[in-house]
Amino acid sequence: MRYLILLTPSKNWIEGVVLHNQPYMPEHAVYVQSGYNEGKVIMAGPFAGSVGGAVVIDVEKEEDAIQFAENDPAVKSDVFCYQINKWDFKMSKYENINPNFNQEYIDYKHKVQKDLGII
């Protein structure tokens, strides 16, 4: 199962200090690297503007994603807080999944929406 771990500043985030200089960022980077080396982390990195970041992780169950997030040194030290969302992906170059959405799909969905009285 794929999960998105959204990391945002928490109570020990220091305003005016860029992300890579925040406390526990070296430990955080090594921790995420370890998950990558184990094959769990699919992609990770900061957001533009150094206002947090995200990790896409591939684990058996949500509890594994929660455990990964809660053991992150930056989360444990309250520099980051986290939110986890199960990734219900529909297209992926990684898995070579392409739904080939096209005008036929739009027409079908508009019919369904019309039948539901939405449009």
PDB file of N, CA and C in Angstrom:
ATOM      1  N   MET A   1       0.843  -1.173   0.000  1.00  0.00           N
ATOM      2  CA  MET A   1       0.000   0.000   0.000  1.00  0.00           C
ATOM      3  C   MET A   1       0.892   1.242   0.000  1.00  0.00           C
ATOM      4  N   ARG A   2       0.460   2.223  -0.716  1.00  0.00           N
ATOM      5  CA  ARG A   2       1.220   3.457  -0.813  1.00  0.00           C
ATOM      6  C   ARG A   2       0.550   4.526   0.046  1.00  0.00           C
ATOM      7  N   TYR A   3       1.368   5.269   0.794  1.00  0.00           N
ATOM      8  CA  TYR A   3       0.869   6.336   1.659  1.00  0.00           C
ATOM      9  C   TYR A   3       1.667   7.609   1.438  1.00  0.00           C
ATOM     10  N   LEU A   4       0.989   8.740   1.580  1.00  0.00           N
ATOM     11  CA  LEU A   4       1.626  10.041   1.540  1.00  0.00           C
ATOM     12  C   LEU A   4       1.747  10.542   2.972  1.00  0.00           C
ATOM     13  N   ILE A   5       2.974  10.825   3.394  1.00  0.00           N
ATOM     14  CA  ILE A   5       3.213  11.427   4.707  1.00  0.00           C
ATOM     15  C   ILE A   5       3.522  12.894   4.463  1.00  0.00           C
ATOM     16  N   LEU A   6       2.628  13.749   4.886  1.00  0.00           N
ATOM     17  CA  LEU A   6       2.783  15.190   4.736  1.00  0.00           C
ATOM     18  C   LEU A   6       3.423  15.730   6.013  1.00  0.00           C
ATOM     19  N   LEU A   7       4.559  16.394   5.869  1.00  0.00           N
ATOM     20  CA  LEU A   7       5.295  16.938   7.014  1.00  0.00           C
ATOM     21  C   LEU A   7       5.184  18.464   6.998  1.00  0.00           C
ATOM     22  N   THR A   8       4.711  19.024   8.109  1.00  0.00           N
ATOM     23  CA  THR A   8       4.559  20.471   8.218  1.00  0.00           C
ATOM     24  C   THR A   8       5.183  20.955   9.522  1.00  0.00           C
ATOM     25  N   PRO A   9       5.548  22.240   9.579  1.00  0.00           N
ATOM     26  CA  PRO A   9       6.179  22.766  10.787  1.00  0.00           C
ATOM     27  C   PRO A   9       5.320  22.549  12.032  1.00  0.00           C
ATOM     28  N   SER A  10       5.999  22.216  13.132  1.00  0.00           N
ATOM     29  CA  SER A  10       5.331  21.999  14.413  1.00  0.00           C
ATOM     30  C   SER A  10       5.864  22.998  15.436  1.00  0.00           C
ATOM     31  N   LYS A  11       5.594  22.775  16.704  1.00  0.00           N
ATOM     32  CA  LYS A  11       5.877  23.788  17.731  1.00  0.00           C
ATOM     33  C   LYS A  11       7.360  24.105  17.915  1.00  0.00           C
ATOM     34  N   ASN A  12       8.272  23.208  17.562  1.00  0.00           N
ATOM     35  CA  ASN A  12       9.703  23.483  17.707  1.00  0.00           C
ATOM     36  C   ASN A  12      10.370  23.934  16.403  1.00  0.00           C
ATOM     37  N   TRP A  13       9.557  24.227  15.387  1.00  0.00           N
ATOM     38  CA  TRP A  13      10.064  24.807  14.146  1.00  0.00           C
ATOM     39  C   TRP A  13      10.537  26.222  14.464  1.00  0.00           C
ATOM     40  N   ILE A  14      11.685  26.601  13.978  1.00  0.00           N
ATOM     41  CA  ILE A  14      12.230  27.929  14.244  1.00  0.00           C
ATOM     42  C   ILE A  14      11.947  28.830  13.045  1.00  0.00           C
ATOM     43  N   GLU A  15      11.097  29.833  13.247  1.00  0.00           N
ATOM     44  CA  GLU A  15      10.761  30.776  12.176  1.00  0.00           C
ATOM     45  C   GLU A  15      12.019  31.506  11.721  1.00  0.00           C
ATOM     46  N   GLY A  16      12.131  31.726  10.429  1.00  0.00           N
ATOM     47  CA  GLY A  16      13.253  32.447   9.867  1.00  0.00           C
ATOM     48  C   GLY A  16      14.470  31.586   9.577  1.00  0.00           C
ATOM     49  N   VAL A  17      14.389  30.293   9.893  1.00  0.00           N
ATOM     50  CA  VAL A  17      15.493  29.357   9.629  1.00  0.00           C
ATOM     51  C   VAL A  17      15.042  28.423   8.514  1.00  0.00           C
ATOM     52  N   VAL A  18      15.843  28.310   7.445  1.00  0.00           N
ATOM     53  CA  VAL A  18      15.451  27.442   6.332  1.00  0.00           C
ATOM     54  C   VAL A  18      15.394  25.989   6.784  1.00  0.00           C
ATOM     55  N   LEU A  19      14.614  25.221   6.078  1.00  0.00           N
ATOM     56  CA  LEU A  19      14.345  23.829   6.448  1.00  0.00           C
ATOM     57  C   LEU A  19      15.612  23.032   6.718  1.00  0.00           C
ATOM     58  N   HIS A  20      16.587  23.078   5.828  1.00  0.00           N
ATOM     59  CA  HIS A  20      17.753  22.217   5.992  1.00  0.00           C
ATOM     60  C   HIS A  20      18.627  22.614   7.178  1.00  0.00           C
ATOM     61  N   ASN A  21      18.356  23.776   7.784  1.00  0.00           N
ATOM     62  CA  ASN A  21      19.084  24.181   8.987  1.00  0.00           C
ATOM     63  C   ASN A  21      18.262  24.035  10.265  1.00  0.00           C
ATOM     64  N   GLN A  22      17.041  23.537  10.143  1.00  0.00           N
ATOM     65  CA  GLN A  22      16.206  23.316  11.323  1.00  0.00           C
ATOM     66  C   GLN A  22      16.821  22.214  12.200  1.00  0.00           C
ATOM     67  N   PRO A  23      16.512  22.230  13.508  1.00  0.00           N
ATOM     68  CA  PRO A  23      16.997  21.155  14.363  1.00  0.00           C
ATOM     69  C   PRO A  23      16.523  19.794  13.858  1.00  0.00           C
ATOM     70  N   TYR A  24      17.351  18.801  13.995  1.00  0.00           N
ATOM     71  CA  TYR A  24      17.066  17.402  13.655  1.00  0.00           C
ATOM     72  C   TYR A  24      16.908  17.132  12.162  1.00  0.00           C
ATOM     73  N   MET A  25      17.221  18.107  11.309  1.00  0.00           N
ATOM     74  CA  MET A  25      17.130  17.855   9.873  1.00  0.00           C
ATOM     75  C   MET A  25      18.184  16.863   9.386  1.00  0.00           C
ATOM     76  N   PRO A  26      19.438  16.900   9.880  1.00  0.00           N
ATOM     77  CA  PRO A  26      20.379  15.864   9.438  1.00  0.00           C
ATOM     78  C   PRO A  26      19.906  14.460   9.834  1.00  0.00           C
ATOM     79  N   GLU A  27      19.381  14.330  11.052  1.00  0.00           N
ATOM     80  CA  GLU A  27      18.874  13.032  11.517  1.00  0.00           C
ATOM     81  C   GLU A  27      17.661  12.605  10.707  1.00  0.00           C
ATOM     82  N   HIS A  28      16.809  13.579  10.392  1.00  0.00           N
ATOM     83  CA  HIS A  28      15.636  13.306   9.552  1.00  0.00           C
ATOM     84  C   HIS A  28      16.071  12.795   8.181  1.00  0.00           C
ATOM     85  N   ALA A  29      17.055  13.480   7.570  1.00  0.00           N
ATOM     86  CA  ALA A  29      17.529  13.080   6.240  1.00  0.00           C
ATOM     87  C   ALA A  29      18.097  11.668   6.249  1.00  0.00           C
ATOM     88  N   VAL A  30      18.877  11.336   7.267  1.00  0.00           N
ATOM     89  CA  VAL A  30      19.467   9.993   7.371  1.00  0.00           C
ATOM     90  C   VAL A  30      18.365   8.954   7.614  1.00  0.00           C
ATOM     91  N   TYR A  31      17.361   9.309   8.420  1.00  0.00           N
ATOM     92  CA  TYR A  31      16.248   8.400   8.691  1.00  0.00           C
ATOM     93  C   TYR A  31      15.463   8.091   7.412  1.00  0.00           C
ATOM     94  N   VAL A  32      15.145   9.123   6.646  1.00  0.00           N
ATOM     95  CA  VAL A  32      14.406   8.913   5.395  1.00  0.00           C
ATOM     96  C   VAL A  32      15.272   8.141   4.404  1.00  0.00           C
ATOM     97  N   GLN A  33      16.562   8.449   4.359  1.00  0.00           N
ATOM     98  CA  GLN A  33      17.492   7.711   3.495  1.00  0.00           C
ATOM     99  C   GLN A  33      17.486   6.228   3.847  1.00  0.00           C
ATOM    100  N   SER A  34      17.441   5.924   5.127  1.00  0.00           N
ATOM    101  CA  SER A  34      17.391   4.527   5.575  1.00  0.00           C
ATOM    102  C   SER A  34      16.130   3.835   5.048  1.00  0.00           C
ATOM    103  N   GLY A  35      14.992   4.537   5.127  1.00  0.00           N
ATOM    104  CA  GLY A  35      13.743   3.979   4.587  1.00  0.00           C
ATOM    105  C   GLY A  35      13.824   3.772   3.092  1.00  0.00           C
ATOM    106  N   TYR A  36      14.501   4.680   2.408  1.00  0.00           N
ATOM    107  CA  TYR A  36      14.705   4.548   0.964  1.00  0.00           C
ATOM    108  C   TYR A  36      15.580   3.326   0.672  1.00  0.00           C
ATOM    109  N   ASN A  37      16.669   3.198   1.421  1.00  0.00           N
ATOM    110  CA  ASN A  37      17.576   2.065   1.208  1.00  0.00           C
ATOM    111  C   ASN A  37      16.900   0.725   1.468  1.00  0.00           C
ATOM    112  N   GLU A  38      15.914   0.711   2.360  1.00  0.00           N
ATOM    113  CA  GLU A  38      15.156  -0.512   2.667  1.00  0.00           C
ATOM    114  C   GLU A  38      14.074  -0.785   1.631  1.00  0.00           C
ATOM    115  N   GLY A  39      13.843   0.158   0.718  1.00  0.00           N
ATOM    116  CA  GLY A  39      12.832  -0.027  -0.317  1.00  0.00           C
ATOM    117  C   GLY A  39      11.453   0.448   0.070  1.00  0.00           C
ATOM    118  N   LYS A  40      11.305   1.083   1.230  1.00  0.00           N
ATOM    119  CA  LYS A  40       9.999   1.583   1.683  1.00  0.00           C
ATOM    120  C   LYS A  40       9.676   2.956   1.106  1.00  0.00           C
ATOM    121  N   VAL A  41      10.657   3.844   1.092  1.00  0.00           N
ATOM    122  CA  VAL A  41      10.430   5.212   0.625  1.00  0.00           C
ATOM    123  C   VAL A  41      10.552   5.248  -0.890  1.00  0.00           C
ATOM    124  N   ILE A  42       9.495   5.687  -1.547  1.00  0.00           N
ATOM    125  CA  ILE A  42       9.451   5.776  -3.006  1.00  0.00           C
ATOM    126  C   ILE A  42      10.007   7.116  -3.465  1.00  0.00           C
ATOM    127  N   MET A  43       9.608   8.180  -2.796  1.00  0.00           N
ATOM    128  CA  MET A  43      10.143   9.515  -3.075  1.00  0.00           C
ATOM    129  C   MET A  43       9.940  10.369  -1.840  1.00  0.00           C
ATOM    130  N   ALA A  44      10.793  11.386  -1.707  1.00  0.00           N
ATOM    131  CA  ALA A  44      10.716  12.273  -0.548  1.00  0.00           C
ATOM    132  C   ALA A  44      11.429  13.566  -0.861  1.00  0.00           C
ATOM    133  N   GLY A  45      11.048  14.619  -0.165  1.00  0.00           N
ATOM    134  CA  GLY A  45      11.752  15.874  -0.306  1.00  0.00           C
ATOM    135  C   GLY A  45      10.966  17.040   0.235  1.00  0.00           C
ATOM    136  N   PRO A  46      11.636  18.192   0.304  1.00  0.00           N
ATOM    137  CA  PRO A  46      10.991  19.403   0.824  1.00  0.00           C
ATOM    138  C   PRO A  46      10.130  20.063  -0.240  1.00  0.00           C
ATOM    139  N   PHE A  47       9.220  20.913   0.229  1.00  0.00           N
ATOM    140  CA  PHE A  47       8.441  21.748  -0.665  1.00  0.00           C
ATOM    141  C   PHE A  47       9.234  23.013  -0.980  1.00  0.00           C
ATOM    142  N   ALA A  48       8.944  23.604  -2.100  1.00  0.00           N
ATOM    143  CA  ALA A  48       9.561  24.885  -2.441  1.00  0.00           C
ATOM    144  C   ALA A  48       9.260  25.883  -1.326  1.00  0.00           C
ATOM    145  N   GLY A  49      10.217  26.687  -1.010  1.00  0.00           N
ATOM    146  CA  GLY A  49      10.037  27.649   0.057  1.00  0.00           C
ATOM    147  C   GLY A  49      10.364  27.092   1.433  1.00  0.00           C
ATOM    148  N   SER A  50      10.804  25.849   1.481  1.00  0.00           N
ATOM    149  CA  SER A  50      11.214  25.213   2.741  1.00  0.00           C
ATOM    150  C   SER A  50      10.150  25.311   3.832  1.00  0.00           C
ATOM    151  N   VAL A  51       8.917  25.003   3.478  1.00  0.00           N
ATOM    152  CA  VAL A  51       7.822  25.087   4.455  1.00  0.00           C
ATOM    153  C   VAL A  51       7.284  23.709   4.840  1.00  0.00           C
ATOM    154  N   GLY A  52       8.088  22.688   4.707  1.00  0.00           N
ATOM    155  CA  GLY A  52       7.670  21.326   5.004  1.00  0.00           C
ATOM    156  C   GLY A  52       8.068  20.428   3.851  1.00  0.00           C
ATOM    157  N   GLY A  53       7.503  19.244   3.844  1.00  0.00           N
ATOM    158  CA  GLY A  53       7.827  18.309   2.785  1.00  0.00           C
ATOM    159  C   GLY A  53       6.903  17.110   2.818  1.00  0.00           C
ATOM    160  N   ALA A  54       7.280  16.095   2.060  1.00  0.00           N
ATOM    161  CA  ALA A  54       6.444  14.898   1.975  1.00  0.00           C
ATOM    162  C   ALA A  54       7.307  13.679   1.722  1.00  0.00           C
ATOM    163  N   VAL A  55       6.768  12.542   2.130  1.00  0.00           N
ATOM    164  CA  VAL A  55       7.375  11.235   1.882  1.00  0.00           C
ATOM    165  C   VAL A  55       6.282  10.353   1.307  1.00  0.00           C
ATOM    166  N   VAL A  56       6.556   9.701   0.194  1.00  0.00           N
ATOM    167  CA  VAL A  56       5.661   8.663  -0.332  1.00  0.00           C
ATOM    168  C   VAL A  56       6.304   7.345   0.045  1.00  0.00           C
ATOM    169  N   ILE A  57       5.547   6.543   0.783  1.00  0.00           N
ATOM    170  CA  ILE A  57       6.083   5.309   1.347  1.00  0.00           C
ATOM    171  C   ILE A  57       5.226   4.126   0.918  1.00  0.00           C
ATOM    172  N   ASP A  58       5.859   2.991   0.684  1.00  0.00           N
ATOM    173  CA  ASP A  58       5.172   1.771   0.277  1.00  0.00           C
ATOM    174  C   ASP A  58       5.362   0.736   1.383  1.00  0.00           C
ATOM    175  N   VAL A  59       4.294   0.496   2.160  1.00  0.00           N
ATOM    176  CA  VAL A  59       4.341  -0.428   3.295  1.00  0.00           C
ATOM    177  C   VAL A  59       3.087  -1.289   3.300  1.00  0.00           C
ATOM    178  N   GLU A  60       3.099  -2.324   4.124  1.00  0.00           N
ATOM    179  CA  GLU A  60       1.991  -3.288   4.168  1.00  0.00           C
ATOM    180  C   GLU A  60       0.677  -2.670   4.641  1.00  0.00           C
ATOM    181  N   LYS A  61       0.735  -1.878   5.725  1.00  0.00           N
ATOM    182  CA  LYS A  61      -0.499  -1.358   6.315  1.00  0.00           C
ATOM    183  C   LYS A  61      -0.275   0.047   6.858  1.00  0.00           C
ATOM    184  N   GLU A  62      -1.366   0.745   7.106  1.00  0.00           N
ATOM    185  CA  GLU A  62      -1.287   2.128   7.571  1.00  0.00           C
ATOM    186  C   GLU A  62      -0.486   2.246   8.872  1.00  0.00           C
ATOM    187  N   GLU A  63      -0.609   1.262   9.743  1.00  0.00           N
ATOM    188  CA  GLU A  63       0.137   1.293  11.002  1.00  0.00           C
ATOM    189  C   GLU A  63       1.647   1.377  10.752  1.00  0.00           C
ATOM    190  N   ASP A  64       2.123   0.745   9.670  1.00  0.00           N
ATOM    191  CA  ASP A  64       3.547   0.816   9.323  1.00  0.00           C
ATOM    192  C   ASP A  64       3.928   2.237   8.898  1.00  0.00           C
ATOM    193  N   ALA A  65       3.043   2.909   8.177  1.00  0.00           N
ATOM    194  CA  ALA A  65       3.295   4.288   7.770  1.00  0.00           C
ATOM    195  C   ALA A  65       3.288   5.210   8.988  1.00  0.00           C
ATOM    196  N   ILE A  66       2.351   4.975   9.907  1.00  0.00           N
ATOM    197  CA  ILE A  66       2.294   5.764  11.141  1.00  0.00           C
ATOM    198  C   ILE A  66       3.568   5.561  11.952  1.00  0.00           C
ATOM    199  N   GLN A  67       3.981   4.313  12.080  1.00  0.00           N
ATOM    200  CA  GLN A  67       5.211   4.021  12.830  1.00  0.00           C
ATOM    201  C   GLN A  67       6.416   4.706  12.193  1.00  0.00           C
ATOM    202  N   PHE A  68       6.499   4.674  10.869  1.00  0.00           N
ATOM    203  CA  PHE A  68       7.605   5.332  10.177  1.00  0.00           C
ATOM    204  C   PHE A  68       7.596   6.829  10.493  1.00  0.00           C
ATOM    205  N   ALA A  69       6.432   7.464  10.387  1.00  0.00           N
ATOM    206  CA  ALA A  69       6.332   8.901  10.649  1.00  0.00           C
ATOM    207  C   ALA A  69       6.660   9.230  12.099  1.00  0.00           C
ATOM    208  N   GLU A  70       6.130   8.451  13.019  1.00  0.00           N
ATOM    209  CA  GLU A  70       6.332   8.748  14.433  1.00  0.00           C
ATOM    210  C   GLU A  70       7.766   8.514  14.897  1.00  0.00           C
ATOM    211  N   ASN A  71       8.512   7.694  14.183  1.00  0.00           N
ATOM    212  CA  ASN A  71       9.909   7.449  14.534  1.00  0.00           C
ATOM    213  C   ASN A  71      10.881   8.404  13.848  1.00  0.00           C
ATOM    214  N   ASP A  72      10.364   9.288  13.009  1.00  0.00           N
ATOM    215  CA  ASP A  72      11.192  10.297  12.353  1.00  0.00           C
ATOM    216  C   ASP A  72      11.722  11.242  13.436  1.00  0.00           C
ATOM    217  N   PRO A  73      13.045  11.439  13.517  1.00  0.00           N
ATOM    218  CA  PRO A  73      13.601  12.320  14.544  1.00  0.00           C
ATOM    219  C   PRO A  73      13.021  13.734  14.529  1.00  0.00           C
ATOM    220  N   ALA A  74      12.683  14.267  13.359  1.00  0.00           N
ATOM    221  CA  ALA A  74      12.109  15.612  13.292  1.00  0.00           C
ATOM    222  C   ALA A  74      10.677  15.636  13.818  1.00  0.00           C
ATOM    223  N   VAL A  75       9.965  14.518  13.708  1.00  0.00           N
ATOM    224  CA  VAL A  75       8.613  14.413  14.274  1.00  0.00           C
ATOM    225  C   VAL A  75       8.719  14.196  15.781  1.00  0.00           C
ATOM    226  N   LYS A  76       9.602  13.301  16.182  1.00  0.00           N
ATOM    227  CA  LYS A  76       9.773  13.017  17.618  1.00  0.00           C
ATOM    228  C   LYS A  76      10.182  14.271  18.395  1.00  0.00           C
ATOM    229  N   SER A  77      10.906  15.170  17.748  1.00  0.00           N
ATOM    230  CA  SER A  77      11.368  16.386  18.414  1.00  0.00           C
ATOM    231  C   SER A  77      10.410  17.569  18.201  1.00  0.00           C
ATOM    232  N   ASP A  78       9.268  17.338  17.592  1.00  0.00           N
ATOM    233  CA  ASP A  78       8.249  18.363  17.338  1.00  0.00           C
ATOM    234  C   ASP A  78       8.720  19.496  16.429  1.00  0.00           C
ATOM    235  N   VAL A  79       9.672  19.206  15.557  1.00  0.00           N
ATOM    236  CA  VAL A  79      10.019  20.168  14.512  1.00  0.00           C
ATOM    237  C   VAL A  79       8.994  20.025  13.384  1.00  0.00           C
ATOM    238  N   PHE A  80       8.602  18.799  13.105  1.00  0.00           N
ATOM    239  CA  PHE A  80       7.547  18.501  12.133  1.00  0.00           C
ATOM    240  C   PHE A  80       6.379  17.835  12.837  1.00  0.00           C
ATOM    241  N   CYS A  81       5.194  18.082  12.347  1.00  0.00           N
ATOM    242  CA  CYS A  81       4.046  17.227  12.638  1.00  0.00           C
ATOM    243  C   CYS A  81       3.697  16.551  11.314  1.00  0.00           C
ATOM    244  N   TYR A  82       2.869  15.547  11.348  1.00  0.00           N
ATOM    245  CA  TYR A  82       2.599  14.793  10.125  1.00  0.00           C
ATOM    246  C   TYR A  82       1.126  14.492   9.961  1.00  0.00           C
ATOM    247  N   GLN A  83       0.776  14.233   8.725  1.00  0.00           N
ATOM    248  CA  GLN A  83      -0.555  13.753   8.347  1.00  0.00           C
ATOM    249  C   GLN A  83      -0.330  12.636   7.347  1.00  0.00           C
ATOM    250  N   ILE A  84      -1.088  11.560   7.465  1.00  0.00           N
ATOM    251  CA  ILE A  84      -0.936  10.422   6.555  1.00  0.00           C
ATOM    252  C   ILE A  84      -2.216  10.236   5.748  1.00  0.00           C
ATOM    253  N   ASN A  85      -2.045  10.051   4.446  1.00  0.00           N
ATOM    254  CA  ASN A  85      -3.163   9.748   3.556  1.00  0.00           C
ATOM    255  C   ASN A  85      -2.804   8.529   2.730  1.00  0.00           C
ATOM    256  N   LYS A  86      -3.735   7.581   2.652  1.00  0.00           N
ATOM    257  CA  LYS A  86      -3.530   6.439   1.766  1.00  0.00           C
ATOM    258  C   LYS A  86      -3.593   6.953   0.334  1.00  0.00           C
ATOM    259  N   TRP A  87      -2.609   6.565  -0.435  1.00  0.00           N
ATOM    260  CA  TRP A  87      -2.506   7.030  -1.814  1.00  0.00           C
ATOM    261  C   TRP A  87      -3.274   6.046  -2.694  1.00  0.00           C
ATOM    262  N   ASP A  88      -4.394   6.482  -3.232  1.00  0.00           N
ATOM    263  CA  ASP A  88      -5.215   5.643  -4.104  1.00  0.00           C
ATOM    264  C   ASP A  88      -4.932   6.054  -5.545  1.00  0.00           C
ATOM    265  N   PHE A  89      -3.691   5.776  -5.977  1.00  0.00           N
ATOM    266  CA  PHE A  89      -3.251   6.273  -7.279  1.00  0.00           C
ATOM    267  C   PHE A  89      -3.981   5.568  -8.420  1.00  0.00           C
ATOM    268  N   LYS A  90      -4.206   6.340  -9.463  1.00  0.00           N
ATOM    269  CA  LYS A  90      -4.874   5.835 -10.670  1.00  0.00           C
ATOM    270  C   LYS A  90      -3.946   5.815 -11.871  1.00  0.00           C
ATOM    271  N   MET A  91      -2.848   6.565 -11.778  1.00  0.00           N
ATOM    272  CA  MET A  91      -1.850   6.524 -12.846  1.00  0.00           C
ATOM    273  C   MET A  91      -0.476   6.598 -12.201  1.00  0.00           C
ATOM    274  N   SER A  92       0.434   5.842 -12.769  1.00  0.00           N
ATOM    275  CA  SER A  92       1.779   5.787 -12.196  1.00  0.00           C
ATOM    276  C   SER A  92       2.769   5.311 -13.246  1.00  0.00           C
ATOM    277  N   LYS A  93       3.780   6.118 -13.486  1.00  0.00           N
ATOM    278  CA  LYS A  93       4.870   5.673 -14.353  1.00  0.00           C
ATOM    279  C   LYS A  93       5.664   4.568 -13.668  1.00  0.00           C
ATOM    280  N   TYR A  94       5.720   4.630 -12.333  1.00  0.00           N
ATOM    281  CA  TYR A  94       6.466   3.653 -11.545  1.00  0.00           C
ATOM    282  C   TYR A  94       5.926   2.232 -11.760  1.00  0.00           C
ATOM    283  N   GLU A  95       4.595   2.097 -11.741  1.00  0.00           N
ATOM    284  CA  GLU A  95       3.961   0.791 -11.961  1.00  0.00           C
ATOM    285  C   GLU A  95       3.462   0.604 -13.390  1.00  0.00           C
ATOM    286  N   ASN A  96       3.693   1.593 -14.233  1.00  0.00           N
ATOM    287  CA  ASN A  96       3.223   1.562 -15.614  1.00  0.00           C
ATOM    288  C   ASN A  96       1.699   1.415 -15.678  1.00  0.00           C
ATOM    289  N   ILE A  97       1.015   2.219 -14.866  1.00  0.00           N
ATOM    290  CA  ILE A  97      -0.447   2.239 -14.855  1.00  0.00           C
ATOM    291  C   ILE A  97      -0.898   3.509 -15.554  1.00  0.00           C
ATOM    292  N   ASN A  98      -1.665   3.348 -16.626  1.00  0.00           N
ATOM    293  CA  ASN A  98      -2.147   4.487 -17.392  1.00  0.00           C
ATOM    294  C   ASN A  98      -3.621   4.259 -17.715  1.00  0.00           C
ATOM    295  N   PRO A  99      -4.519   5.037 -17.095  1.00  0.00           N
ATOM    296  CA  PRO A  99      -5.946   4.830 -17.356  1.00  0.00           C
ATOM    297  C   PRO A  99      -6.409   5.369 -18.701  1.00  0.00           C
ATOM    298  N   ASN A 100      -5.559   6.124 -19.386  1.00  0.00           N
ATOM    299  CA  ASN A 100      -5.888   6.685 -20.698  1.00  0.00           C
ATOM    300  C   ASN A 100      -7.181   7.494 -20.691  1.00  0.00           C
ATOM    301  N   PHE A 101      -7.319   8.393 -19.703  1.00  0.00           N
ATOM    302  CA  PHE A 101      -8.471   9.283 -19.672  1.00  0.00           C
ATOM    303  C   PHE A 101      -8.529  10.070 -20.976  1.00  0.00           C
ATOM    304  N   ASN A 102      -9.758  10.223 -21.511  1.00  0.00           N
ATOM    305  CA  ASN A 102      -9.936  10.923 -22.775  1.00  0.00           C
ATOM    306  C   ASN A 102     -11.349  11.501 -22.832  1.00  0.00           C
ATOM    307  N   GLN A 103     -11.750  11.985 -23.975  1.00  0.00           N
ATOM    308  CA  GLN A 103     -13.077  12.587 -24.125  1.00  0.00           C
ATOM    309  C   GLN A 103     -14.182  11.582 -23.832  1.00  0.00           C
ATOM    310  N   GLU A 104     -13.982  10.336 -24.179  1.00  0.00           N
ATOM    311  CA  GLU A 104     -14.983   9.300 -23.879  1.00  0.00           C
ATOM    312  C   GLU A 104     -15.243   9.214 -22.379  1.00  0.00           C
ATOM    313  N   TYR A 105     -14.200   9.320 -21.587  1.00  0.00           N
ATOM    314  CA  TYR A 105     -14.343   9.301 -20.127  1.00  0.00           C
ATOM    315  C   TYR A 105     -15.137  10.522 -19.659  1.00  0.00           C
ATOM    316  N   ILE A 106     -14.810  11.703 -20.212  1.00  0.00           N
ATOM    317  CA  ILE A 106     -15.547  12.920 -19.846  1.00  0.00           C
ATOM    318  C   ILE A 106     -17.025  12.759 -20.167  1.00  0.00           C
ATOM    319  N   ASP A 107     -17.335  12.266 -21.366  1.00  0.00           N
ATOM    320  CA  ASP A 107     -18.726  12.088 -21.776  1.00  0.00           C
ATOM    321  C   ASP A 107     -19.449  11.122 -20.838  1.00  0.00           C
ATOM    322  N   TYR A 108     -18.806  10.020 -20.502  1.00  0.00           N
ATOM    323  CA  TYR A 108     -19.401   9.030 -19.597  1.00  0.00           C
ATOM    324  C   TYR A 108     -19.682   9.655 -18.227  1.00  0.00           C
ATOM    325  N   LYS A 109     -18.681  10.356 -17.667  1.00  0.00           N
ATOM    326  CA  LYS A 109     -18.853  10.937 -16.339  1.00  0.00           C
ATOM    327  C   LYS A 109     -19.914  12.039 -16.344  1.00  0.00           C
ATOM    328  N   HIS A 110     -20.009  12.797 -17.439  1.00  0.00           N
ATOM    329  CA  HIS A 110     -21.051  13.818 -17.523  1.00  0.00           C
ATOM    330  C   HIS A 110     -22.435  13.175 -17.546  1.00  0.00           C
ATOM    331  N   LYS A 111     -22.559  12.028 -18.208  1.00  0.00           N
ATOM    332  CA  LYS A 111     -23.831  11.311 -18.207  1.00  0.00           C
ATOM    333  C   LYS A 111     -24.176  10.847 -16.800  1.00  0.00           C
ATOM    334  N   VAL A 112     -23.214  10.298 -16.096  1.00  0.00           N
ATOM    335  CA  VAL A 112     -23.435   9.849 -14.718  1.00  0.00           C
ATOM    336  C   VAL A 112     -23.835  11.030 -13.845  1.00  0.00           C
ATOM    337  N   GLN A 113     -23.142  12.161 -13.991  1.00  0.00           N
ATOM    338  CA  GLN A 113     -23.458  13.357 -13.204  1.00  0.00           C
ATOM    339  C   GLN A 113     -24.836  13.894 -13.542  1.00  0.00           C
ATOM    340  N   LYS A 114     -25.204  13.819 -14.804  1.00  0.00           N
ATOM    341  CA  LYS A 114     -26.552  14.254 -15.211  1.00  0.00           C
ATOM    342  C   LYS A 114     -27.607  13.342 -14.607  1.00  0.00           C
ATOM    343  N   ASP A 115     -27.364  12.032 -14.633  1.00  0.00           N
ATOM    344  CA  ASP A 115     -28.298  11.076 -14.035  1.00  0.00           C
ATOM    345  C   ASP A 115     -28.430  11.290 -12.533  1.00  0.00           C
ATOM    346  N   LEU A 116     -27.357  11.766 -11.898  1.00  0.00           N
ATOM    347  CA  LEU A 116     -27.396  12.040 -10.468  1.00  0.00           C
ATOM    348  C   LEU A 116     -27.993  13.422 -10.155  1.00  0.00           C
ATOM    349  N   GLY A 117     -28.245  14.205 -11.196  1.00  0.00           N
ATOM    350  CA  GLY A 117     -28.790  15.541 -11.002  1.00  0.00           C
ATOM    351  C   GLY A 117     -27.764  16.560 -10.560  1.00  0.00           C
ATOM    352  N   ILE A 118     -26.491  16.243 -10.774  1.00  0.00           N
ATOM    353  CA  ILE A 118     -25.417  17.161 -10.371  1.00  0.00           C
ATOM    354  C   ILE A 118     -25.243  18.255 -11.407  1.00  0.00           C
ATOM    355  N   ILE A 119     -25.357  17.889 -12.691  1.00  0.00           N
ATOM    356  CA  ILE A 119     -25.219  18.908 -13.760  1.00  0.00           C
ATOM    357  C   ILE A 119     -26.453  18.873 -14.631  1.00  0.00           C
TER     358      ILE A 119
END
